[in-house]
Protein backbone atom coordinates (compact mmCIF):
# COMPACT_ATOMS: atom_id res chain seq x y z
CA MET A 1 2.86 10.97 -14.68
CA LYS A 2 4.82 13.29 -12.38
CA GLY A 3 4.72 14.54 -8.82
CA PHE A 4 3.87 12.86 -5.54
CA MET A 5 2.77 9.22 -5.17
CA PRO A 6 1.70 8.29 -1.62
CA PHE A 7 1.77 4.65 -0.51
CA THR A 8 -0.74 3.08 1.84
CA ILE A 9 -1.79 -0.48 2.65
CA LEU A 10 -5.29 -1.44 1.52
CA GLY A 11 -7.42 -2.04 4.61
CA ASP A 12 -5.21 -0.16 7.06
CA PRO A 13 -6.46 0.25 9.75
CA ASP A 14 -9.80 -1.11 8.47
CA LYS A 15 -11.58 -1.20 5.12
CA GLU A 16 -13.85 1.81 5.71
CA THR A 17 -11.15 4.06 7.14
CA SER A 18 -8.74 2.97 4.40
CA PHE A 19 -11.17 4.32 1.80
CA GLU A 20 -11.46 7.62 3.69
CA ILE A 21 -7.65 7.86 3.80
CA VAL A 22 -7.35 7.32 0.05
CA LYS A 23 -10.09 9.87 -0.64
CA THR A 24 -8.19 12.36 1.52
CA LEU A 25 -4.99 11.72 -0.42
CA ILE A 26 -6.76 12.22 -3.74
CA ASP A 27 -8.46 15.40 -2.53
CA SER A 28 -5.07 16.70 -1.37
CA GLY A 29 -3.87 16.76 -4.98
CA VAL A 30 -1.55 13.75 -5.19
CA SER A 31 -0.59 12.74 -8.73
CA CYS A 32 -1.13 8.99 -8.43
CA LEU A 33 -1.55 6.25 -5.83
CA GLU A 34 0.52 3.26 -4.81
CA LEU A 35 -1.63 0.77 -2.90
CA GLY A 36 -0.17 -2.22 -1.10
CA PHE A 37 -1.87 -5.59 -0.76
CA PRO A 38 -1.47 -6.70 2.87
CA PHE A 39 0.85 -9.66 3.29
CA SER A 40 2.13 -11.59 6.31
CA ASP A 41 5.81 -11.31 5.35
CA PRO A 42 6.32 -8.13 3.29
CA MET A 43 9.65 -7.71 1.53
CA LEU A 44 11.83 -4.59 1.94
CA ASP A 45 9.49 -2.92 4.43
CA GLY A 46 10.61 -1.45 7.74
CA SER A 47 8.83 -1.99 11.05
CA ILE A 48 6.25 0.79 10.60
CA ILE A 49 4.94 -0.54 7.28
CA GLN A 50 5.18 -4.14 8.55
CA ALA A 51 2.82 -3.15 11.36
CA ALA A 52 0.45 -1.64 8.78
CA HIS A 53 0.36 -4.97 6.92
CA LYS A 54 -0.58 -6.75 10.15
CA ARG A 55 -3.35 -4.25 10.93
CA ALA A 56 -4.85 -4.65 7.47
CA MET A 57 -4.59 -8.36 6.58
CA MET A 58 -7.87 -8.51 4.64
CA PRO A 59 -8.67 -10.98 1.82
CA VAL A 60 -7.58 -10.26 -1.75
CA ASN A 61 -11.23 -10.02 -2.85
CA ASP A 62 -11.76 -7.19 -0.37
CA CYS A 63 -8.66 -5.43 -1.73
CA PHE A 64 -10.07 -5.47 -5.25
CA ASP A 65 -13.47 -4.33 -3.97
CA LEU A 66 -11.79 -1.39 -2.26
CA ILE A 67 -9.86 -0.49 -5.43
CA LYS A 68 -13.14 -0.52 -7.41
CA LYS A 69 -14.62 1.86 -4.86
CA ILE A 70 -11.59 4.14 -5.21
CA ARG A 71 -11.87 3.98 -8.99
CA ASN A 72 -15.54 4.99 -8.82
CA TYR A 73 -14.45 8.01 -6.78
CA SER A 74 -11.59 9.12 -9.04
CA LYS A 75 -9.79 8.42 -12.31
CA ILE A 76 -6.39 8.92 -10.64
CA PRO A 77 -3.69 6.47 -11.84
CA ILE A 78 -3.40 3.47 -9.50
CA SER A 79 -0.29 1.36 -8.99
CA ILE A 80 -0.38 -1.67 -6.73
CA MET A 81 2.49 -3.30 -4.86
CA VAL A 82 1.93 -6.97 -4.17
CA SER A 83 3.89 -10.04 -3.13
CA TYR A 84 4.35 -12.65 -5.85
CA ASN A 85 2.86 -15.29 -3.53
CA ILE A 86 -0.50 -13.50 -3.78
CA VAL A 87 -0.27 -13.26 -7.57
CA TYR A 88 0.84 -16.90 -7.92
CA LYS A 89 -2.09 -18.20 -5.89
CA ARG A 90 -4.65 -16.24 -7.93
CA PRO A 91 -4.51 -17.09 -11.67
CA THR A 92 -6.96 -14.28 -12.43
CA PHE A 93 -4.93 -11.64 -10.57
CA TYR A 94 -4.12 -9.46 -13.58
CA THR A 95 -7.61 -9.74 -15.02
CA ASP A 96 -9.07 -8.79 -11.64
CA ALA A 97 -6.62 -5.91 -11.35
CA LYS A 98 -7.58 -4.61 -14.79
CA GLU A 99 -11.31 -4.88 -14.07
CA SER A 100 -10.88 -3.01 -10.79
CA GLY A 101 -9.14 -0.09 -12.52
CA VAL A 102 -5.43 -0.70 -11.90
CA GLN A 103 -2.84 0.62 -14.40
CA PHE A 104 0.43 -0.54 -12.82
CA VAL A 105 1.62 -3.61 -10.88
CA LEU A 106 4.89 -3.84 -8.95
CA ILE A 107 6.04 -7.17 -7.48
CA PRO A 108 9.11 -6.42 -5.31
CA ASP A 109 10.04 -10.06 -4.67
CA LEU A 110 10.05 -11.12 -8.35
CA PRO A 111 13.35 -10.41 -10.17
CA LEU A 112 13.68 -9.76 -13.89
CA GLU A 113 14.97 -13.27 -14.57
CA GLU A 114 11.79 -14.86 -13.19
CA SER A 115 9.23 -12.41 -14.57
CA SER A 116 8.35 -13.94 -17.96
CA GLU A 117 5.00 -15.30 -16.80
CA VAL A 118 3.78 -12.02 -15.35
CA PHE A 119 5.03 -10.12 -18.41
CA GLY A 120 2.60 -12.16 -20.47
CA GLU A 121 -0.28 -11.51 -18.08
CA ALA A 122 0.52 -7.81 -17.97
CA ALA A 123 0.65 -7.59 -21.76
CA ASN A 124 -2.66 -9.45 -22.14
CA THR A 125 -4.44 -7.05 -19.81
CA GLY A 126 -2.69 -3.82 -20.80
CA ILE A 127 -1.22 -3.37 -17.34
CA ALA A 128 2.31 -1.98 -17.02
CA GLN A 129 4.70 -4.17 -15.02
CA VAL A 130 6.77 -1.78 -12.90
CA PRO A 131 10.39 -2.55 -11.93
CA LEU A 132 12.49 -1.78 -8.89
CA VAL A 133 15.97 -0.39 -9.56
CA SER A 134 18.48 -0.33 -6.71
CA PRO A 135 21.51 1.94 -6.20
CA ASP A 136 23.88 -0.87 -7.17
CA SER A 137 22.10 -1.82 -10.42
CA SER A 138 24.53 -1.76 -13.33
CA GLU A 139 23.89 0.30 -16.45
CA GLU A 140 23.51 -2.92 -18.46
CA ARG A 141 20.85 -4.21 -16.06
CA ILE A 142 18.99 -0.90 -16.10
CA LYS A 143 18.90 -1.04 -19.91
CA GLU A 144 17.45 -4.56 -19.78
CA ILE A 145 14.92 -3.52 -17.15
CA GLY A 146 13.88 -0.55 -19.28
CA LYS A 147 13.28 -2.80 -22.28
CA SER A 148 11.33 -5.43 -20.32
CA PHE A 149 9.21 -3.43 -17.90
CA GLY A 150 6.89 -0.44 -18.28
CA GLY A 151 5.03 2.34 -16.55
CA TYR A 152 7.74 3.92 -14.44
CA ILE A 153 10.91 3.06 -12.55
CA TYR A 154 10.64 2.69 -8.79
CA LEU A 155 14.13 3.85 -7.86
CA VAL A 156 15.29 2.70 -4.44
CA SER A 157 17.30 5.69 -3.21
CA LEU A 158 19.13 3.84 -0.44
CA LEU A 159 19.97 0.21 0.31
CA GLY A 160 18.00 -1.26 3.20
CA THR A 161 14.32 -1.23 4.11
CA THR A 162 11.66 1.45 3.91
CA GLY A 163 11.47 3.94 6.75
CA GLU A 164 12.03 7.48 7.90
CA ARG A 165 15.57 8.83 7.59
CA GLU A 166 17.19 12.13 8.42
CA ASN A 167 19.25 12.16 5.22
CA THR A 168 18.76 10.96 1.66
CA ASN A 169 21.40 9.62 -0.69
CA ASN A 170 23.90 12.45 -1.29
CA LYS A 171 24.64 10.89 -4.68
CA LEU A 172 20.99 10.77 -5.71
CA GLU A 173 21.48 13.13 -8.66
CA ASP A 174 24.18 10.85 -10.10
CA LEU A 175 22.00 7.79 -9.49
CA ILE A 176 18.98 9.32 -11.23
CA SER A 177 21.20 10.43 -14.11
CA LYS A 178 22.53 6.87 -14.50
CA VAL A 179 18.99 5.49 -14.69
CA LYS A 180 17.82 8.11 -17.17
CA ARG A 181 20.78 7.44 -19.45
CA ASN A 182 19.56 3.88 -19.84
CA THR A 183 15.76 4.12 -19.97
CA ASP A 184 13.05 6.55 -21.05
CA LEU A 185 10.69 5.45 -18.27
CA PRO A 186 9.78 8.10 -15.67
CA VAL A 187 11.81 7.77 -12.48
CA PHE A 188 10.02 7.82 -9.12
CA VAL A 189 12.26 7.84 -6.05
CA GLY A 190 11.29 5.91 -2.93
CA PHE A 191 12.81 4.69 0.38
CA GLY A 192 13.56 7.39 2.92
CA VAL A 193 11.61 10.18 1.21
CA SER A 194 9.85 11.01 4.45
CA ASN A 195 9.47 14.79 4.47
CA PRO A 196 8.87 17.72 2.07
CA LYS A 197 12.55 18.72 2.06
CA ALA A 198 13.62 15.25 0.90
CA ALA A 199 10.83 15.20 -1.69
CA SER A 200 11.82 18.58 -3.12
CA SER A 201 15.48 17.56 -3.18
CA ALA A 202 14.69 14.40 -5.15
CA ILE A 203 12.71 16.34 -7.75
CA LYS A 204 15.50 18.91 -8.06
CA SER A 205 17.95 16.02 -8.52
CA GLY A 206 16.08 14.95 -11.63
CA ALA A 207 13.34 12.60 -10.39
CA ASP A 208 9.97 12.71 -12.11
CA GLY A 209 8.28 12.03 -8.80
CA VAL A 210 8.65 10.63 -5.30
CA ILE A 211 6.98 7.84 -3.37
CA SER A 212 6.44 7.96 0.39
CA GLY A 213 4.57 5.55 2.63
CA THR A 214 6.11 5.27 6.09
CA PRO A 215 4.93 8.72 7.31
CA PHE A 216 1.32 7.86 6.42
CA CYS A 217 1.51 4.46 8.12
CA LYS A 218 2.99 6.19 11.17
CA ILE A 219 0.16 8.75 11.27
CA ILE A 220 -2.36 5.90 11.13
CA SER A 221 -0.65 3.97 13.94
CA GLU A 222 -0.47 7.05 16.18
CA ASN A 223 -4.15 7.95 15.77
CA LEU A 224 -5.99 4.62 15.87
CA SER A 225 -8.31 5.91 18.61
CA ASP A 226 -8.99 9.24 16.89
CA LYS A 227 -9.97 8.79 13.23
CA LYS A 228 -10.70 12.50 12.78
CA ALA A 229 -7.18 13.46 13.85
CA MET A 230 -5.81 10.67 11.64
CA ILE A 231 -7.53 12.03 8.53
CA ASN A 232 -6.63 15.65 9.33
CA ASN A 233 -2.96 14.79 9.86
CA ILE A 234 -2.84 12.75 6.65
CA LYS A 235 -4.38 15.67 4.75
CA THR A 236 -1.84 18.11 6.20
CA PHE A 237 1.19 15.93 5.42
CA ALA A 238 -0.03 14.98 1.93
CA SER A 239 -0.63 18.64 1.07
CA LYS A 240 2.91 19.51 2.15
CA MET A 241 4.39 16.73 0.02
CA VAL A 242 2.30 17.80 -2.98
CA GLY A 243 3.48 21.37 -2.51
CA ALA A 244 7.09 20.22 -2.33
CA THR A 245 6.92 18.32 -5.63
CA LYS A 246 4.62 20.31 -7.90
CA GLY A 247 5.92 23.08 -10.10
CA LEU A 248 9.60 22.16 -9.71
């Protein structure tokens, strides 16, 4: 699994348009998808993605129905990002995720030390439990994360929340190198990867792929009254990000 992984919130701005957005991303040549379950108090997200959560806010059942529809359209790898509160309240979450066609689950508000229960659920369903690694994670912690989790590493390039930034971490190459010394999992860089130049730079710094969500949420928010322009702009931006990450 390499290349560009776009992030979008399931149901943003509505269920039907959300499906059209995901189809557009797939048809633009993205390598895999990261789909967020809408939540009232999302962790680590900046204001643009927080607004996307509020626009979406559809039931968990509808999220799984939408993922099944996406899976019927394509066999592309699907990773979901979800708050632990949603998982905790739904004992069948991992079974439902598996049946809908999900391969990877990332729970950003559940640390390694409290993950034993979901590790068991992930193992029972064959789903990979994906970790977050931050810039200040020690080598010892990265080793432990690599042994406990699976799928890929979501590497947070900068401390703070998600969002568009002019500059990326100027020590990103060293950070990626530190992670790769301590795990064999593919490394996908997120947070602040908001344009093709940043995406290309991350790949050249050693990343196996990049994750970007804020630009897509921003395109949606700016074109709520013109769905055709929304889809066209998403297609254009996704194609540029794919071009910046493939073949490097």
